N, C-alpha and C. Protein backbone atom coordinates (compact mmCIF):
# COMPACT_ATOMS: atom_id res chain seq x y z
N PRO A 1 -30.05 4.36 -73.78
CA PRO A 1 -29.41 5.69 -73.29
C PRO A 1 -30.49 6.09 -72.05
N ASP A 2 -31.76 5.79 -72.41
CA ASP A 2 -32.81 6.54 -71.22
C ASP A 2 -33.25 5.25 -70.57
N HIS A 3 -32.49 4.33 -70.25
CA HIS A 3 -32.61 3.12 -69.40
C HIS A 3 -32.95 3.69 -67.85
N TRP A 4 -33.66 3.05 -66.97
CA TRP A 4 -33.99 3.37 -65.54
C TRP A 4 -32.94 2.74 -64.61
N GLN A 5 -32.48 3.36 -63.65
CA GLN A 5 -31.66 1.91 -62.95
C GLN A 5 -32.13 2.64 -61.59
N VAL A 6 -32.15 1.76 -60.45
CA VAL A 6 -32.23 2.12 -59.06
C VAL A 6 -31.12 1.51 -58.45
N ILE A 7 -29.96 2.33 -57.76
CA ILE A 7 -28.93 1.55 -57.20
C ILE A 7 -29.24 1.97 -55.62
N CYS A 8 -29.27 1.10 -54.99
CA CYS A 8 -29.44 0.94 -53.68
C CYS A 8 -27.85 1.03 -52.75
N LEU A 9 -27.39 2.02 -52.08
CA LEU A 9 -26.32 1.96 -51.41
C LEU A 9 -26.56 1.59 -49.97
N CYS A 10 -25.70 0.77 -49.64
CA CYS A 10 -26.02 0.34 -48.16
C CYS A 10 -24.63 -0.43 -47.85
N ALA A 11 -24.60 -0.89 -46.60
CA ALA A 11 -23.68 -1.52 -46.11
C ALA A 11 -23.77 -2.99 -45.53
N ASP A 12 -23.15 -3.95 -45.85
CA ASP A 12 -23.29 -5.37 -45.25
C ASP A 12 -23.33 -5.52 -43.97
N TRP A 13 -22.70 -4.54 -43.15
CA TRP A 13 -22.88 -4.52 -41.55
C TRP A 13 -24.15 -4.06 -41.22
N CYS A 14 -24.87 -3.35 -42.07
CA CYS A 14 -26.33 -2.76 -41.30
C CYS A 14 -27.27 -3.94 -41.50
N GLY A 15 -27.81 -4.20 -40.35
CA GLY A 15 -28.83 -4.94 -40.17
C GLY A 15 -30.01 -4.81 -41.21
N THR A 16 -30.34 -3.40 -41.23
CA THR A 16 -31.65 -3.03 -41.46
C THR A 16 -31.34 -3.38 -43.00
N CYS A 17 -30.16 -3.05 -43.65
CA CYS A 17 -30.19 -3.24 -45.11
C CYS A 17 -30.22 -4.84 -45.31
N ARG A 18 -29.41 -5.45 -44.79
CA ARG A 18 -29.41 -6.96 -44.88
C ARG A 18 -30.76 -7.33 -44.85
N GLU A 19 -31.86 -7.09 -44.17
CA GLU A 19 -33.32 -7.31 -44.19
C GLU A 19 -33.97 -6.75 -45.29
N TRP A 20 -33.50 -5.52 -45.68
CA TRP A 20 -34.17 -4.71 -46.93
C TRP A 20 -33.91 -5.36 -48.56
N ARG A 21 -32.55 -5.93 -48.34
CA ARG A 21 -32.40 -6.59 -49.66
C ARG A 21 -33.28 -7.45 -50.42
N PRO A 22 -33.74 -8.58 -49.77
CA PRO A 22 -34.65 -9.24 -50.40
C PRO A 22 -36.05 -8.95 -50.99
N GLN A 23 -36.25 -7.65 -50.07
CA GLN A 23 -37.28 -6.74 -50.25
C GLN A 23 -37.41 -5.85 -51.71
N LEU A 24 -36.10 -5.52 -51.90
CA LEU A 24 -35.71 -4.72 -52.86
C LEU A 24 -35.63 -5.50 -54.08
N ALA A 25 -35.10 -6.72 -54.21
CA ALA A 25 -35.25 -8.03 -54.86
C ALA A 25 -36.53 -7.96 -55.64
N GLN A 26 -37.84 -8.05 -54.79
CA GLN A 26 -38.89 -8.39 -54.85
C GLN A 26 -39.70 -6.87 -55.80
N GLU A 27 -39.02 -5.88 -55.53
CA GLU A 27 -39.63 -4.58 -55.89
C GLU A 27 -38.74 -4.75 -57.65
N ALA A 28 -37.71 -5.15 -57.52
CA ALA A 28 -37.22 -5.10 -58.99
C ALA A 28 -37.84 -5.99 -59.87
N ALA A 29 -38.59 -7.33 -59.30
CA ALA A 29 -39.31 -8.24 -60.08
C ALA A 29 -40.47 -7.47 -60.66
N ARG A 30 -40.92 -6.46 -59.69
CA ARG A 30 -42.16 -5.74 -60.27
C ARG A 30 -41.80 -4.74 -61.28
N HIS A 31 -40.59 -4.43 -61.53
CA HIS A 31 -40.38 -3.39 -62.44
C HIS A 31 -39.20 -3.93 -63.38
N PRO A 32 -39.73 -4.77 -64.32
CA PRO A 32 -38.75 -5.51 -65.29
C PRO A 32 -37.97 -4.80 -66.36
N ASN A 33 -38.34 -3.52 -66.41
CA ASN A 33 -37.62 -2.53 -67.41
C ASN A 33 -36.65 -1.75 -66.60
N VAL A 34 -36.65 -2.05 -65.05
CA VAL A 34 -35.76 -1.24 -64.39
C VAL A 34 -34.61 -2.11 -63.95
N ARG A 35 -33.45 -1.37 -63.98
CA ARG A 35 -32.21 -2.10 -63.57
C ARG A 35 -31.95 -1.92 -61.73
N PHE A 36 -32.17 -2.74 -61.15
CA PHE A 36 -32.00 -2.61 -59.77
C PHE A 36 -30.58 -3.15 -59.21
N SER A 37 -29.85 -2.25 -58.58
CA SER A 37 -28.50 -2.77 -58.19
C SER A 37 -28.21 -2.84 -56.57
N TRP A 38 -27.51 -3.40 -56.20
CA TRP A 38 -27.00 -3.49 -54.53
C TRP A 38 -25.82 -3.08 -54.52
N VAL A 39 -25.32 -2.01 -53.77
CA VAL A 39 -23.96 -1.30 -53.80
C VAL A 39 -23.52 -1.39 -52.43
N ASP A 40 -22.39 -2.20 -51.80
CA ASP A 40 -22.00 -1.98 -50.49
C ASP A 40 -20.95 -0.64 -50.67
N ILE A 41 -21.32 0.06 -50.00
CA ILE A 41 -20.51 1.42 -50.16
C ILE A 41 -19.13 1.07 -49.43
N GLU A 42 -19.04 0.26 -49.06
CA GLU A 42 -17.37 -0.28 -48.47
C GLU A 42 -16.77 -1.02 -49.42
N ASP A 43 -17.35 -1.62 -50.12
CA ASP A 43 -16.69 -2.43 -51.29
C ASP A 43 -16.59 -1.78 -52.22
N GLN A 44 -17.38 -0.31 -52.40
CA GLN A 44 -17.09 0.45 -53.85
C GLN A 44 -16.73 1.83 -53.25
N ALA A 45 -15.57 1.68 -52.35
CA ALA A 45 -15.25 2.95 -51.55
C ALA A 45 -14.47 3.91 -52.87
N ASP A 46 -13.80 3.30 -53.54
CA ASP A 46 -13.37 4.22 -54.61
C ASP A 46 -14.52 4.77 -55.44
N ALA A 47 -15.46 4.28 -56.05
CA ALA A 47 -16.30 5.09 -56.58
C ALA A 47 -17.25 6.18 -55.67
N MET A 48 -17.40 5.68 -54.48
CA MET A 48 -17.86 6.63 -53.40
C MET A 48 -17.33 7.85 -53.35
N GLY A 49 -16.11 7.82 -53.62
CA GLY A 49 -15.20 9.06 -53.42
C GLY A 49 -15.54 9.79 -52.26
N ASP A 50 -15.50 11.03 -52.26
CA ASP A 50 -16.15 11.92 -50.97
C ASP A 50 -17.44 11.85 -50.49
N VAL A 51 -18.39 10.76 -51.26
CA VAL A 51 -19.56 10.82 -50.78
C VAL A 51 -20.01 10.12 -49.71
N ASP A 52 -20.45 10.98 -48.52
CA ASP A 52 -20.78 10.08 -47.30
C ASP A 52 -22.36 9.89 -47.18
N ILE A 53 -22.59 8.50 -46.98
CA ILE A 53 -23.67 7.93 -46.65
C ILE A 53 -24.05 8.11 -45.30
N GLU A 54 -24.93 8.61 -44.74
CA GLU A 54 -25.54 8.71 -43.29
C GLU A 54 -26.52 7.77 -42.87
N THR A 55 -27.20 7.57 -43.98
CA THR A 55 -28.61 6.99 -43.65
C THR A 55 -28.68 5.82 -44.56
N PHE A 56 -29.17 4.54 -44.19
CA PHE A 56 -29.20 3.22 -44.95
C PHE A 56 -30.59 3.15 -44.96
N PRO A 57 -31.38 2.62 -46.02
CA PRO A 57 -30.90 2.63 -47.17
C PRO A 57 -30.94 3.98 -47.97
N THR A 58 -29.99 4.38 -48.69
CA THR A 58 -29.84 5.53 -49.57
C THR A 58 -30.02 4.99 -51.07
N LEU A 59 -31.07 5.81 -52.02
CA LEU A 59 -31.20 5.46 -53.48
C LEU A 59 -30.57 6.27 -54.22
N LEU A 60 -29.92 5.86 -55.12
CA LEU A 60 -29.53 6.85 -56.58
C LEU A 60 -30.59 6.32 -57.69
N ILE A 61 -31.31 6.87 -58.04
CA ILE A 61 -32.34 6.84 -59.22
C ILE A 61 -31.91 7.43 -60.56
N ALA A 62 -31.66 6.78 -61.39
CA ALA A 62 -31.21 7.38 -62.78
C ALA A 62 -31.91 7.01 -63.86
N GLN A 63 -31.95 7.89 -64.97
CA GLN A 63 -32.35 7.78 -66.01
C GLN A 63 -31.46 7.91 -67.17
N GLY A 64 -30.74 6.77 -67.54
CA GLY A 64 -29.61 6.87 -68.65
C GLY A 64 -28.64 7.41 -67.76
N ALA A 65 -27.76 8.18 -68.00
CA ALA A 65 -26.72 8.89 -67.19
C ALA A 65 -27.06 10.27 -66.30
N ARG A 66 -28.31 10.22 -66.38
CA ARG A 66 -29.04 11.58 -65.54
C ARG A 66 -29.43 11.10 -64.32
N ALA A 67 -28.86 11.54 -63.19
CA ALA A 67 -29.53 11.23 -61.93
C ALA A 67 -30.60 12.14 -61.57
N ARG A 68 -31.49 11.21 -60.94
CA ARG A 68 -32.94 11.93 -60.86
C ARG A 68 -33.28 11.87 -59.24
N PHE A 69 -32.64 10.97 -58.50
CA PHE A 69 -33.02 10.97 -57.38
C PHE A 69 -31.81 10.42 -56.51
N PHE A 70 -31.40 11.22 -55.27
CA PHE A 70 -30.39 10.63 -54.60
C PHE A 70 -30.72 10.91 -53.13
N GLY A 71 -31.17 10.23 -52.24
CA GLY A 71 -31.13 10.50 -50.96
C GLY A 71 -31.69 8.93 -50.19
N PRO A 72 -31.96 9.29 -48.68
CA PRO A 72 -32.24 8.13 -47.88
C PRO A 72 -33.90 7.92 -48.10
N VAL A 73 -34.02 6.59 -47.92
CA VAL A 73 -35.67 6.25 -48.25
C VAL A 73 -36.05 5.25 -47.12
N LEU A 74 -37.14 5.14 -46.75
CA LEU A 74 -37.70 4.11 -45.87
C LEU A 74 -37.46 2.81 -46.41
N PRO A 75 -37.24 1.85 -45.84
CA PRO A 75 -37.06 0.63 -46.55
C PRO A 75 -38.59 0.00 -46.77
N SER A 76 -39.45 0.48 -47.72
CA SER A 76 -40.77 0.16 -47.96
C SER A 76 -40.57 -0.02 -49.65
N THR A 77 -41.10 -1.36 -50.13
CA THR A 77 -41.12 -1.30 -51.43
C THR A 77 -42.35 -0.37 -51.88
N ALA A 78 -43.50 -0.38 -51.40
CA ALA A 78 -44.27 0.49 -51.92
C ALA A 78 -43.96 1.88 -51.97
N ALA A 79 -42.97 2.46 -51.07
CA ALA A 79 -42.58 3.94 -51.27
C ALA A 79 -41.72 3.93 -52.33
N ILE A 80 -40.75 2.87 -52.57
CA ILE A 80 -39.75 2.91 -53.77
C ILE A 80 -40.52 2.93 -54.98
N GLY A 81 -41.80 2.22 -55.28
CA GLY A 81 -42.29 2.01 -56.35
C GLY A 81 -43.11 3.35 -56.75
N ARG A 82 -43.56 3.98 -55.62
CA ARG A 82 -44.31 5.25 -55.87
C ARG A 82 -43.23 6.30 -56.33
N LEU A 83 -42.14 6.52 -55.77
CA LEU A 83 -40.98 7.28 -56.17
C LEU A 83 -40.71 7.01 -57.27
N LEU A 84 -40.44 5.88 -58.01
CA LEU A 84 -39.88 5.35 -59.43
C LEU A 84 -41.02 5.93 -60.36
N GLU A 85 -42.29 5.50 -60.22
CA GLU A 85 -43.56 5.62 -60.80
C GLU A 85 -43.40 7.26 -61.10
N SER A 86 -43.37 8.11 -59.82
CA SER A 86 -43.47 9.48 -60.05
C SER A 86 -42.40 10.22 -60.95
N LEU A 87 -41.14 9.51 -60.68
CA LEU A 87 -40.22 10.27 -61.48
C LEU A 87 -40.32 9.98 -63.03
N ARG A 88 -40.64 8.88 -63.17
CA ARG A 88 -40.92 8.11 -64.39
C ARG A 88 -42.12 9.09 -65.28
N ALA A 89 -43.02 9.46 -64.51
CA ALA A 89 -44.43 10.10 -65.21
C ALA A 89 -43.88 11.64 -65.25
N ASP A 90 -42.83 12.25 -64.67
CA ASP A 90 -42.77 13.72 -64.70
C ASP A 90 -41.06 14.05 -65.27
N GLU A 91 -40.86 14.47 -66.19
CA GLU A 91 -39.63 14.46 -66.87
C GLU A 91 -38.95 15.60 -66.04
N ARG A 92 -39.75 16.47 -65.39
CA ARG A 92 -38.94 17.40 -64.56
C ARG A 92 -38.87 17.42 -63.14
N ALA A 93 -39.35 15.88 -62.72
CA ALA A 93 -39.24 15.49 -61.13
C ALA A 93 -38.16 15.13 -60.89
N GLY A 94 -37.74 15.43 -59.72
CA GLY A 94 -36.30 15.14 -59.39
C GLY A 94 -35.31 16.03 -59.29
N ASN A 95 -34.60 16.47 -58.33
CA ASN A 95 -33.61 17.50 -58.03
C ASN A 95 -32.65 16.91 -57.14
N PRO A 96 -31.63 16.04 -57.38
CA PRO A 96 -30.81 15.52 -56.52
C PRO A 96 -29.84 16.46 -56.52
N PRO A 97 -28.88 16.26 -55.22
CA PRO A 97 -27.57 17.19 -54.94
C PRO A 97 -26.88 16.99 -56.25
N ALA A 98 -25.71 17.91 -56.44
CA ALA A 98 -24.61 17.90 -57.41
C ALA A 98 -23.93 16.86 -57.19
N GLU A 99 -23.68 16.27 -56.19
CA GLU A 99 -22.81 14.92 -55.90
C GLU A 99 -23.41 13.74 -56.64
N ALA A 100 -24.63 13.66 -56.98
CA ALA A 100 -25.44 12.63 -57.51
C ALA A 100 -24.65 12.15 -58.96
N GLY A 101 -24.73 12.90 -59.83
CA GLY A 101 -24.13 12.94 -61.00
C GLY A 101 -23.11 12.26 -61.04
N PRO A 102 -21.86 12.94 -60.49
CA PRO A 102 -20.49 12.22 -60.43
C PRO A 102 -20.49 10.96 -60.14
N LEU A 103 -21.17 10.64 -58.68
CA LEU A 103 -21.26 9.43 -58.34
C LEU A 103 -21.84 8.32 -59.32
N LEU A 104 -22.93 8.64 -59.78
CA LEU A 104 -23.69 7.65 -60.76
C LEU A 104 -22.54 7.32 -61.98
N ALA A 105 -21.83 8.53 -62.52
CA ALA A 105 -20.94 8.21 -63.67
C ALA A 105 -19.69 7.29 -62.97
N ARG A 106 -19.25 7.35 -61.89
CA ARG A 106 -18.12 6.65 -61.28
C ARG A 106 -18.73 4.90 -61.12
N LEU A 107 -19.72 4.78 -60.56
CA LEU A 107 -20.83 3.55 -60.28
C LEU A 107 -20.94 2.96 -61.85
N GLN A 108 -21.52 3.60 -62.70
CA GLN A 108 -21.81 3.05 -64.01
C GLN A 108 -20.24 2.68 -64.85
N ALA A 109 -19.24 3.53 -64.40
CA ALA A 109 -18.17 3.15 -65.09
C ALA A 109 -17.68 2.02 -64.54
N GLN A 110 -17.75 1.49 -63.26
CA GLN A 110 -17.47 0.22 -62.51
C GLN A 110 -18.31 -0.87 -62.64
N GLY A 111 -19.44 -0.51 -63.26
CA GLY A 111 -20.14 -1.65 -63.92
C GLY A 111 -20.74 -2.17 -62.88
N VAL A 112 -21.67 -1.52 -62.09
CA VAL A 112 -22.36 -1.93 -60.94
C VAL A 112 -23.25 -3.26 -61.31
N GLN A 113 -23.45 -4.24 -60.71
CA GLN A 113 -24.15 -5.44 -61.21
C GLN A 113 -25.57 -5.32 -60.65
N ALA A 114 -26.29 -5.85 -61.49
CA ALA A 114 -27.75 -5.71 -61.26
C ALA A 114 -28.49 -6.86 -60.08
N LEU A 115 -29.13 -6.78 -59.32
CA LEU A 115 -29.71 -7.49 -58.52
C LEU A 115 -30.08 -8.96 -59.14
């Protein structure tokens, strides 16, 4: 129930996203106890609902059913690793917007595939 998940929200048409995906896979290999997923926001439009992603890449990081972070990030594996570790180290860290929880629930219900 407390498993960690990093969901990268991107679009296939975005060059930055296409370049970032292999790096994200490398970061996933560094964190074997964390499930990393890739979501094309256009392919998962139903799950996205009214959530607008304006900047790519955008991450949704969750601990079980609890969203801990939701926002755009620099496409840097080091930055992602530091963000994940800081959230894991401090139970109180992370204050995502209200839309993050329902988005997480919809994505988890649809069975987002791991990288």
